[in-house]
Amino acid sequence: MNLIIPNNYQQKLPGLLHDTKKWTATYFMGSNQDLVNTVSFHAPQNNYKGNIILIPGIGTNTNIDPLMLAISYWALTYKYNLFCINTFINKFKMIISEQNQPEQNWSDYTDSLHIALEHISYTTKGYTCIIGHSAGATGLVSTLNQMNKNNQQINFSSVILFAPFVNKSWYETLKQFSQKNHKSENLIFLANIFNRQTPHMYIPITYNFFDALCDQPFEPEIMSNWGIPTTIIAGEKDKKATPKDLYEKYKILQTYPNGDKFNYIIVPYAKHNFLNIPNNTEIILQILHNQIKQYKK
């Protein structure tokens, strides 16, 4: 399989997306119309080989994040259905009213992922890989663990976790940086750094959401029950989800039943947001390809 994609894949991706069969579903958490979530679907016009599900990190979304865009291009080019889950932690706003800002609970977030994944599972057949990054990866772990605790079957083929389990020190640094520009007793403002065409947009995230994100328990005894190929990916230069911490978690997972299902990979020179993705695109695509090969064994 040719794993090379062009350097200008971001410019070519809109054309690929335009030529797909597609739909977008919007749903809310409870009665709160501000906690909006979407699932978008894109399918090649001809037969497909499988399904790729993307869950982006906090303060970005699948429409602008370089990592998500690279995987989207690969998926559609090689005839995979593409599902993009964007929740209330991925929705930018130009005008923010702190008085009317809704409370954001970790349970609302994982419930939103659960709803999306259940909806997707009803419509998919064959190989299905879920890919989460940062908060999206941690939320995916929490969601799958809760499904296992509730004795719900995990009807997916494999999982790829980019930089899960961010550390608390990163949260404190982010809080201090946000306070310099936006004085708030309860909110951290995450700026739009990927889409230069629409600057001055922010995603407001409550302190308690970050507290929950950074305090999520590592439950290897539950993760081992997933029983599907799972790859943990660390950026070599990542200070938010460090290679050392992720490697230690990987070694623990190996000691449990199904430990052989877990893999650990470091992407050279990459930081937490994988901004230097053009230098590492081939590595990322090889990971996707190897995940599929492992599923077919």
Protein backbone atom coordinates (compact mmCIF):
# COMPACT_ATOMS: atom_id res chain seq x y z
CA MET A 1 0.00 0.00 0.00
CA ASN A 2 1.28 3.46 -0.89
CA LEU A 3 1.45 5.41 2.39
CA ILE A 4 2.59 8.73 0.94
CA ILE A 5 0.19 11.66 0.88
CA PRO A 6 1.06 15.01 -0.73
CA ASN A 7 2.33 17.95 1.31
CA ASN A 8 -0.69 19.98 0.19
CA TYR A 9 -3.21 17.41 1.46
CA GLN A 10 -5.05 20.13 3.42
CA GLN A 11 -5.78 21.98 0.18
CA LYS A 12 -6.90 18.77 -1.57
CA LEU A 13 -9.05 17.43 1.28
CA PRO A 14 -12.09 19.71 0.62
CA GLY A 15 -12.40 18.23 -2.86
CA LEU A 16 -12.32 14.70 -1.45
CA LEU A 17 -14.96 15.59 1.14
CA HIS A 18 -17.16 17.21 -1.52
CA ASP A 19 -17.20 14.05 -3.61
CA THR A 20 -18.40 11.77 -0.78
CA LYS A 21 -21.82 10.65 0.34
CA LYS A 22 -22.33 12.52 3.60
CA TRP A 23 -24.55 13.53 6.47
CA THR A 24 -24.22 15.39 9.78
CA ALA A 25 -26.27 14.71 12.91
CA THR A 26 -26.51 17.26 15.74
CA TYR A 27 -27.46 16.37 19.31
CA PHE A 28 -27.48 18.10 22.70
CA MET A 29 -26.75 16.98 26.23
CA GLY A 30 -30.04 17.04 28.11
CA SER A 31 -31.93 20.30 27.76
CA ASN A 32 -28.80 22.45 27.47
CA GLN A 33 -28.77 23.84 23.95
CA ASP A 34 -25.24 25.22 24.43
CA LEU A 35 -23.67 21.77 24.87
CA VAL A 36 -23.98 20.96 21.18
CA ASN A 37 -22.35 17.91 19.61
CA THR A 38 -22.15 16.62 16.05
CA VAL A 39 -21.33 13.43 14.20
CA SER A 40 -20.33 13.86 10.56
CA PHE A 41 -20.12 11.02 8.06
CA HIS A 42 -18.28 10.88 4.73
CA ALA A 43 -18.28 7.80 2.51
CA PRO A 44 -16.41 7.13 -0.74
CA GLN A 45 -18.70 6.86 -3.74
CA ASN A 46 -17.60 3.27 -4.44
CA ASN A 47 -17.09 0.29 -2.13
CA TYR A 48 -15.34 0.97 1.17
CA LYS A 49 -12.72 -1.06 3.07
CA GLY A 50 -13.70 -0.14 6.61
CA ASN A 51 -14.40 2.75 8.95
CA ILE A 52 -12.30 5.41 10.69
CA ILE A 53 -13.74 7.37 13.65
CA LEU A 54 -11.99 10.58 14.75
CA ILE A 55 -12.25 12.23 18.18
CA PRO A 56 -10.17 15.45 18.38
CA GLY A 57 -8.59 16.99 21.45
CA ILE A 58 -9.75 19.98 23.43
CA GLY A 59 -9.62 23.43 21.82
CA THR A 60 -9.63 22.22 18.22
CA ASN A 61 -11.85 20.11 15.94
CA THR A 62 -11.68 17.69 13.02
CA ASN A 63 -12.15 20.54 10.51
CA ILE A 64 -8.90 22.37 11.35
CA ASP A 65 -6.57 20.08 13.31
CA PRO A 66 -3.55 18.99 11.18
CA LEU A 67 -3.45 15.48 12.66
CA MET A 68 -7.17 14.94 12.08
CA LEU A 69 -6.92 16.35 8.55
CA ALA A 70 -4.01 14.07 7.62
CA ILE A 71 -5.88 10.98 8.81
CA SER A 72 -9.05 12.15 7.04
CA TYR A 73 -7.18 12.50 3.75
CA TRP A 74 -5.67 9.03 4.15
CA ALA A 75 -9.01 7.46 5.04
CA LEU A 76 -10.92 8.86 2.08
CA THR A 77 -8.06 8.31 -0.39
CA TYR A 78 -7.84 4.63 0.53
CA LYS A 79 -11.62 4.14 0.58
CA TYR A 80 -12.51 4.15 4.28
CA ASN A 81 -15.71 5.62 5.63
CA LEU A 82 -14.93 8.61 7.82
CA PHE A 83 -16.83 9.56 10.99
CA CYS A 84 -15.93 12.78 12.84
CA ILE A 85 -17.15 13.38 16.39
CA ASN A 86 -17.02 17.02 17.54
CA THR A 87 -18.44 17.82 20.96
CA PHE A 88 -18.92 20.99 23.01
CA ILE A 89 -15.17 21.06 23.78
CA ASN A 90 -14.52 21.51 20.04
CA LYS A 91 -16.96 24.36 19.32
CA PHE A 92 -15.45 27.84 18.86
CA LYS A 93 -17.31 31.03 19.74
CA MET A 94 -16.67 34.67 18.86
CA ILE A 95 -18.84 36.07 21.67
CA ILE A 96 -18.73 34.53 25.14
CA SER A 97 -20.92 35.49 28.07
CA GLU A 98 -19.48 34.19 31.33
CA GLN A 99 -22.82 34.67 33.05
CA ASN A 100 -24.56 32.36 30.58
CA GLN A 101 -21.74 29.85 30.16
CA PRO A 102 -23.15 26.37 30.90
CA GLU A 103 -21.53 24.03 33.38
CA GLN A 104 -19.35 21.44 31.63
CA ASN A 105 -19.12 18.08 33.35
CA TRP A 106 -16.85 15.22 32.40
CA SER A 107 -19.88 12.93 32.47
CA ASP A 108 -21.59 15.14 29.85
CA TYR A 109 -18.53 14.75 27.65
CA THR A 110 -18.21 10.98 27.94
CA ASP A 111 -21.98 10.60 27.55
CA SER A 112 -21.75 12.62 24.32
CA LEU A 113 -19.02 10.27 23.05
CA HIS A 114 -21.05 7.24 24.10
CA ILE A 115 -24.11 8.47 22.21
CA ALA A 116 -22.04 9.13 19.08
CA LEU A 117 -20.26 5.76 19.22
CA GLU A 118 -23.52 3.89 19.74
CA HIS A 119 -25.07 5.72 16.79
CA ILE A 120 -22.08 4.92 14.60
CA SER A 121 -21.99 1.25 15.63
CA TYR A 122 -25.53 0.81 14.27
CA THR A 123 -24.44 1.96 10.80
CA THR A 124 -21.03 0.30 10.37
CA LYS A 125 -19.87 -3.08 9.15
CA GLY A 126 -16.38 -4.54 8.94
CA TYR A 127 -13.16 -3.05 10.28
CA THR A 128 -13.71 0.02 12.47
CA CYS A 129 -10.88 1.95 14.14
CA ILE A 130 -11.47 4.73 16.68
CA ILE A 131 -8.75 7.40 16.88
CA GLY A 132 -8.63 9.88 19.76
CA HIS A 133 -6.16 12.66 20.49
CA SER A 134 -5.34 14.22 23.90
CA ALA A 135 -8.61 14.95 25.75
CA GLY A 136 -10.37 13.02 22.99
CA ALA A 137 -8.16 10.01 23.68
CA THR A 138 -8.70 10.24 27.44
CA GLY A 139 -12.44 10.66 26.92
CA LEU A 140 -12.44 7.63 24.65
CA VAL A 141 -10.67 5.54 27.31
CA SER A 142 -13.20 6.64 29.95
CA THR A 143 -16.13 5.93 27.63
CA LEU A 144 -14.96 2.44 26.64
CA ASN A 145 -14.16 1.61 30.26
CA GLN A 146 -17.63 2.68 31.35
CA MET A 147 -19.18 0.59 28.59
CA ASN A 148 -17.22 -2.41 29.83
CA LYS A 149 -18.31 -1.80 33.44
CA ASN A 150 -21.92 -1.71 32.22
CA ASN A 151 -21.39 -5.03 30.40
CA GLN A 152 -21.91 -3.38 27.04
CA GLN A 153 -20.18 -5.03 24.13
CA ILE A 154 -17.46 -2.95 22.45
CA ASN A 155 -18.23 -3.50 18.77
CA PHE A 156 -15.13 -1.87 17.35
CA SER A 157 -12.02 -3.41 15.81
CA SER A 158 -9.17 -1.30 17.16
CA VAL A 159 -8.23 1.88 19.00
CA ILE A 160 -5.43 4.43 18.51
CA LEU A 161 -4.71 6.85 21.37
CA PHE A 162 -2.60 9.90 20.55
CA ALA A 163 -1.19 11.48 23.75
CA PRO A 164 -3.84 10.40 26.27
CA PHE A 165 -3.74 11.08 30.04
CA VAL A 166 -2.51 14.69 30.08
CA ASN A 167 -0.81 15.73 33.31
CA LYS A 168 -1.96 18.25 35.91
CA SER A 169 1.04 20.57 35.52
CA TRP A 170 0.00 21.33 31.93
CA TYR A 171 -3.45 22.38 33.17
CA GLU A 172 -1.96 24.80 35.71
CA THR A 173 0.27 26.36 33.05
CA LEU A 174 -2.69 26.72 30.69
CA LYS A 175 -4.75 28.35 33.44
CA GLN A 176 -2.03 30.94 34.13
CA PHE A 177 -1.64 31.71 30.41
CA SER A 178 -5.39 32.16 29.94
CA GLN A 179 -5.67 34.44 32.96
CA LYS A 180 -3.18 36.88 31.43
CA ASN A 181 -5.58 37.61 28.58
CA HIS A 182 -9.01 36.78 30.02
CA LYS A 183 -9.55 37.31 33.73
CA SER A 184 -12.08 34.70 34.85
CA GLU A 185 -12.88 32.83 38.05
CA ASN A 186 -14.15 29.75 36.30
CA LEU A 187 -13.13 29.62 32.63
CA ILE A 188 -10.06 28.91 30.56
CA PHE A 189 -10.18 30.39 27.07
CA LEU A 190 -8.62 28.22 24.37
CA ALA A 191 -7.77 30.24 21.27
CA ASN A 192 -8.15 29.13 17.67
CA ILE A 193 -4.54 28.57 16.57
CA PHE A 194 -5.10 26.36 13.52
CA ASN A 195 -7.51 28.33 11.33
CA ARG A 196 -5.90 31.66 10.45
CA GLN A 197 -8.93 32.71 8.40
CA THR A 198 -11.13 33.04 11.50
CA PRO A 199 -8.94 34.37 14.32
CA HIS A 200 -10.18 35.75 17.66
CA MET A 201 -12.38 32.74 18.31
CA TYR A 202 -12.28 30.82 21.58
CA ILE A 203 -13.57 27.72 23.25
CA PRO A 204 -14.41 28.39 26.92
CA ILE A 205 -13.73 25.41 29.17
CA THR A 206 -14.65 25.36 32.86
CA TYR A 207 -12.08 24.66 35.57
CA ASN A 208 -13.95 21.62 36.83
CA PHE A 209 -13.83 20.04 33.37
CA PHE A 210 -10.04 20.37 33.32
CA ASP A 211 -9.86 19.03 36.88
CA ALA A 212 -11.77 15.94 35.82
CA LEU A 213 -9.76 15.53 32.61
CA CYS A 214 -6.44 15.53 34.47
CA ASP A 215 -7.74 13.32 37.31
CA GLN A 216 -9.13 10.48 35.20
CA PRO A 217 -8.06 7.17 36.73
CA PHE A 218 -5.81 4.78 34.87
CA GLU A 219 -7.69 1.46 35.00
CA PRO A 220 -5.59 -1.18 33.24
CA GLU A 221 -7.74 -4.00 34.57
CA ILE A 222 -10.69 -2.50 32.66
CA MET A 223 -8.77 -1.50 29.53
CA SER A 224 -7.47 -5.07 29.22
CA ASN A 225 -11.07 -6.24 28.84
CA TRP A 226 -11.46 -4.36 25.57
CA GLY A 227 -9.66 -7.24 23.85
CA ILE A 228 -8.89 -5.29 20.66
CA PRO A 229 -5.60 -3.94 19.21
CA THR A 230 -4.85 -0.66 20.96
CA THR A 231 -1.90 1.59 20.13
CA ILE A 232 -0.70 4.30 22.49
CA ILE A 233 1.22 7.04 20.66
CA ALA A 234 3.51 9.54 22.37
CA GLY A 235 5.22 12.60 20.95
CA GLU A 236 8.93 12.55 21.73
CA LYS A 237 8.87 16.23 22.81
CA ASP A 238 5.45 16.13 24.49
CA LYS A 239 5.38 17.75 27.94
CA LYS A 240 1.62 17.38 28.44
CA ALA A 241 1.36 13.60 28.06
CA THR A 242 5.00 12.60 28.44
CA PRO A 243 6.55 9.57 26.68
CA LYS A 244 7.83 8.32 30.04
CA ASP A 245 4.39 8.34 31.64
CA LEU A 246 2.70 6.70 28.64
CA TYR A 247 5.41 4.04 28.41
CA GLU A 248 4.94 3.18 32.08
CA LYS A 249 1.21 2.77 31.52
CA TYR A 250 1.88 0.60 28.47
CA LYS A 251 4.20 -1.68 30.47
CA ILE A 252 1.51 -2.08 33.14
CA LEU A 253 -1.10 -2.93 30.49
CA GLN A 254 1.18 -5.67 29.16
CA THR A 255 0.99 -7.51 32.49
CA TYR A 256 -2.79 -7.98 32.25
CA PRO A 257 -4.80 -10.46 30.16
CA ASN A 258 -4.84 -9.32 26.51
CA GLY A 259 -1.64 -7.40 27.23
CA ASP A 260 -0.34 -8.45 23.83
CA LYS A 261 -3.10 -6.34 22.24
CA PHE A 262 -1.38 -3.11 23.34
CA ASN A 263 1.35 -1.32 21.40
CA TYR A 264 3.43 1.76 22.22
CA ILE A 265 5.01 4.08 19.64
CA ILE A 266 6.99 7.31 19.93
CA VAL A 267 6.74 9.80 17.06
CA PRO A 268 10.15 11.53 16.74
CA TYR A 269 10.36 15.25 17.54
CA ALA A 270 6.57 15.54 17.85
CA LYS A 271 5.01 17.76 20.49
CA HIS A 272 1.60 17.28 22.06
CA ASN A 273 -0.44 18.72 19.22
CA PHE A 274 1.67 17.03 16.50
CA LEU A 275 1.98 20.41 14.76
CA ASN A 276 5.02 19.17 12.87
CA ILE A 277 2.91 16.46 11.28
CA PRO A 278 4.37 16.95 7.74
CA ASN A 279 7.67 15.53 9.01
CA ASN A 280 5.96 12.51 10.53
CA THR A 281 3.04 11.81 8.20
CA GLU A 282 4.55 8.57 6.95
CA ILE A 283 4.99 7.29 10.51
CA ILE A 284 1.35 8.11 11.36
CA LEU A 285 0.06 6.39 8.23
CA GLN A 286 2.21 3.33 8.88
CA ILE A 287 0.62 3.06 12.32
CA LEU A 288 -2.84 3.05 10.71
CA HIS A 289 -1.75 0.42 8.21
CA ASN A 290 -0.19 -1.79 10.89
CA GLN A 291 -3.31 -1.53 13.05
CA ILE A 292 -5.36 -2.91 10.18
CA LYS A 293 -2.87 -5.74 9.57
CA GLN A 294 -2.98 -6.68 13.27
CA TYR A 295 -6.77 -6.82 13.15
CA LYS A 296 -6.68 -9.18 10.17
CA LYS A 297 -4.32 -11.70 11.85
